[in-house]
Amino acid sequence: MLIESIIHYIYIALAGIFGIMLLVKVFKREKRQGIVYDIVYAYCCVPFLMRLLGIK
């Protein structure tokens, strides 16, 4: 049970790190600034945000 909790917290931390990295990249892009790329970044960020909020 303890190992399961530890793995869960590591997973949440990694999801948060990757989500933050993706959000930073959205606003600091110099190339590929079209609406299609915004949609792709949003599509990638949503699962990380949902995991952070506990939504499955």
N, C-alpha and C. Protein backbone atom coordinates (compact mmCIF):
# COMPACT_ATOMS: atom_id res chain seq x y z
N MET A 1 0.82 -1.19 0.00
CA MET A 1 0.00 0.00 0.00
C MET A 1 0.87 1.26 0.00
N LEU A 2 1.95 1.23 0.73
CA LEU A 2 2.86 2.37 0.80
C LEU A 2 3.52 2.61 -0.56
N ILE A 3 3.94 1.55 -1.21
CA ILE A 3 4.58 1.68 -2.52
C ILE A 3 3.60 2.24 -3.54
N GLU A 4 2.34 1.82 -3.45
CA GLU A 4 1.32 2.34 -4.37
C GLU A 4 1.14 3.84 -4.18
N SER A 5 1.14 4.31 -2.96
CA SER A 5 1.02 5.74 -2.69
C SER A 5 2.23 6.51 -3.21
N ILE A 6 3.41 5.95 -3.01
CA ILE A 6 4.62 6.60 -3.48
C ILE A 6 4.61 6.72 -5.01
N ILE A 7 4.23 5.64 -5.68
CA ILE A 7 4.16 5.65 -7.15
C ILE A 7 3.13 6.67 -7.62
N HIS A 8 2.01 6.74 -6.92
CA HIS A 8 0.97 7.70 -7.29
C HIS A 8 1.48 9.14 -7.17
N TYR A 9 2.19 9.46 -6.10
CA TYR A 9 2.71 10.81 -5.92
C TYR A 9 3.79 11.13 -6.95
N ILE A 10 4.61 10.15 -7.29
CA ILE A 10 5.62 10.36 -8.33
C ILE A 10 4.95 10.64 -9.67
N TYR A 11 3.89 9.88 -9.96
CA TYR A 11 3.16 10.07 -11.21
C TYR A 11 2.54 11.46 -11.27
N ILE A 12 1.94 11.90 -10.19
CA ILE A 12 1.33 13.23 -10.14
C ILE A 12 2.41 14.30 -10.31
N ALA A 13 3.55 14.12 -9.68
CA ALA A 13 4.64 15.10 -9.80
C ALA A 13 5.15 15.17 -11.23
N LEU A 14 5.34 14.03 -11.86
CA LEU A 14 5.81 14.02 -13.25
C LEU A 14 4.77 14.64 -14.19
N ALA A 15 3.51 14.34 -13.96
CA ALA A 15 2.45 14.94 -14.78
C ALA A 15 2.46 16.46 -14.62
N GLY A 16 2.67 16.93 -13.43
CA GLY A 16 2.74 18.37 -13.19
C GLY A 16 3.93 19.01 -13.88
N ILE A 17 5.08 18.36 -13.79
CA ILE A 17 6.29 18.89 -14.43
C ILE A 17 6.11 18.97 -15.94
N PHE A 18 5.62 17.87 -16.54
CA PHE A 18 5.43 17.88 -17.98
C PHE A 18 4.34 18.87 -18.41
N GLY A 19 3.29 18.98 -17.62
CA GLY A 19 2.24 19.95 -17.92
C GLY A 19 2.75 21.38 -17.89
N ILE A 20 3.55 21.70 -16.90
CA ILE A 20 4.12 23.05 -16.79
C ILE A 20 5.08 23.31 -17.94
N MET A 21 5.89 22.31 -18.29
CA MET A 21 6.80 22.48 -19.42
C MET A 21 6.04 22.75 -20.72
N LEU A 22 4.95 22.03 -20.93
CA LEU A 22 4.15 22.25 -22.14
C LEU A 22 3.52 23.63 -22.14
N LEU A 23 3.00 24.06 -21.00
CA LEU A 23 2.39 25.39 -20.93
C LEU A 23 3.40 26.50 -21.18
N VAL A 24 4.62 26.33 -20.67
CA VAL A 24 5.67 27.32 -20.90
C VAL A 24 6.02 27.37 -22.39
N LYS A 25 6.11 26.21 -23.01
CA LYS A 25 6.45 26.16 -24.44
C LYS A 25 5.37 26.80 -25.30
N VAL A 26 4.13 26.75 -24.87
CA VAL A 26 3.05 27.37 -25.65
C VAL A 26 3.29 28.87 -25.80
N PHE A 27 3.72 29.52 -24.73
CA PHE A 27 3.86 30.97 -24.74
C PHE A 27 5.23 31.45 -25.21
N LYS A 28 6.22 30.56 -25.30
CA LYS A 28 7.56 30.98 -25.69
C LYS A 28 7.97 30.43 -27.05
N ARG A 29 7.01 30.11 -27.89
CA ARG A 29 7.34 29.58 -29.21
C ARG A 29 7.75 30.70 -30.14
N GLU A 30 8.80 30.46 -30.89
CA GLU A 30 9.21 31.40 -31.92
C GLU A 30 8.85 30.86 -33.29
N LYS A 31 8.82 29.56 -33.42
CA LYS A 31 8.43 28.92 -34.67
C LYS A 31 7.10 28.21 -34.45
N ARG A 32 6.43 27.89 -35.52
CA ARG A 32 5.18 27.12 -35.47
C ARG A 32 4.14 27.80 -34.57
N GLN A 33 3.75 28.99 -34.92
CA GLN A 33 2.84 29.75 -34.09
C GLN A 33 1.39 29.71 -34.57
N GLY A 34 1.03 28.77 -35.40
CA GLY A 34 -0.32 28.71 -35.93
C GLY A 34 -1.33 28.16 -34.94
N ILE A 35 -2.60 28.28 -35.31
CA ILE A 35 -3.69 27.80 -34.46
C ILE A 35 -3.66 26.28 -34.32
N VAL A 36 -3.20 25.60 -35.36
CA VAL A 36 -3.12 24.14 -35.30
C VAL A 36 -2.17 23.70 -34.20
N TYR A 37 -1.06 24.37 -34.06
CA TYR A 37 -0.10 24.03 -33.01
C TYR A 37 -0.65 24.36 -31.63
N ASP A 38 -1.45 25.41 -31.52
CA ASP A 38 -2.12 25.71 -30.25
C ASP A 38 -3.05 24.57 -29.85
N ILE A 39 -3.77 24.04 -30.82
CA ILE A 39 -4.69 22.93 -30.54
C ILE A 39 -3.91 21.69 -30.12
N VAL A 40 -2.80 21.43 -30.79
CA VAL A 40 -1.97 20.26 -30.44
C VAL A 40 -1.42 20.40 -29.03
N TYR A 41 -0.92 21.58 -28.68
CA TYR A 41 -0.41 21.79 -27.33
C TYR A 41 -1.53 21.64 -26.30
N ALA A 42 -2.70 22.17 -26.59
CA ALA A 42 -3.82 22.03 -25.67
C ALA A 42 -4.21 20.57 -25.51
N TYR A 43 -4.21 19.84 -26.61
CA TYR A 43 -4.55 18.41 -26.57
C TYR A 43 -3.54 17.64 -25.72
N CYS A 44 -2.29 18.07 -25.72
CA CYS A 44 -1.26 17.42 -24.91
C CYS A 44 -1.35 17.84 -23.44
N CYS A 45 -1.76 19.07 -23.18
CA CYS A 45 -1.80 19.58 -21.80
C CYS A 45 -3.01 19.09 -21.03
N VAL A 46 -4.12 18.85 -21.69
CA VAL A 46 -5.35 18.48 -21.00
C VAL A 46 -5.21 17.22 -20.15
N PRO A 47 -4.62 16.12 -20.66
CA PRO A 47 -4.49 14.93 -19.80
C PRO A 47 -3.66 15.18 -18.54
N PHE A 48 -2.60 15.99 -18.67
CA PHE A 48 -1.79 16.29 -17.49
C PHE A 48 -2.58 17.10 -16.48
N LEU A 49 -3.32 18.06 -16.94
CA LEU A 49 -4.14 18.88 -16.03
C LEU A 49 -5.24 18.05 -15.37
N MET A 50 -5.83 17.14 -16.14
CA MET A 50 -6.87 16.29 -15.57
C MET A 50 -6.31 15.38 -14.48
N ARG A 51 -5.12 14.85 -14.71
CA ARG A 51 -4.49 14.01 -13.69
C ARG A 51 -4.16 14.80 -12.44
N LEU A 52 -3.69 16.03 -12.62
CA LEU A 52 -3.39 16.85 -11.46
C LEU A 52 -4.63 17.18 -10.64
N LEU A 53 -5.76 17.34 -11.33
CA LEU A 53 -7.00 17.63 -10.63
C LEU A 53 -7.71 16.39 -10.12
N GLY A 54 -7.19 15.22 -10.48
CA GLY A 54 -7.77 13.97 -10.01
C GLY A 54 -8.94 13.47 -10.84
N ILE A 55 -9.11 13.99 -12.03
CA ILE A 55 -10.17 13.57 -12.92
C ILE A 55 -9.63 12.45 -13.80
N LYS A 56 -10.37 11.35 -13.87
CA LYS A 56 -9.88 10.22 -14.68
C LYS A 56 -10.54 10.19 -16.01
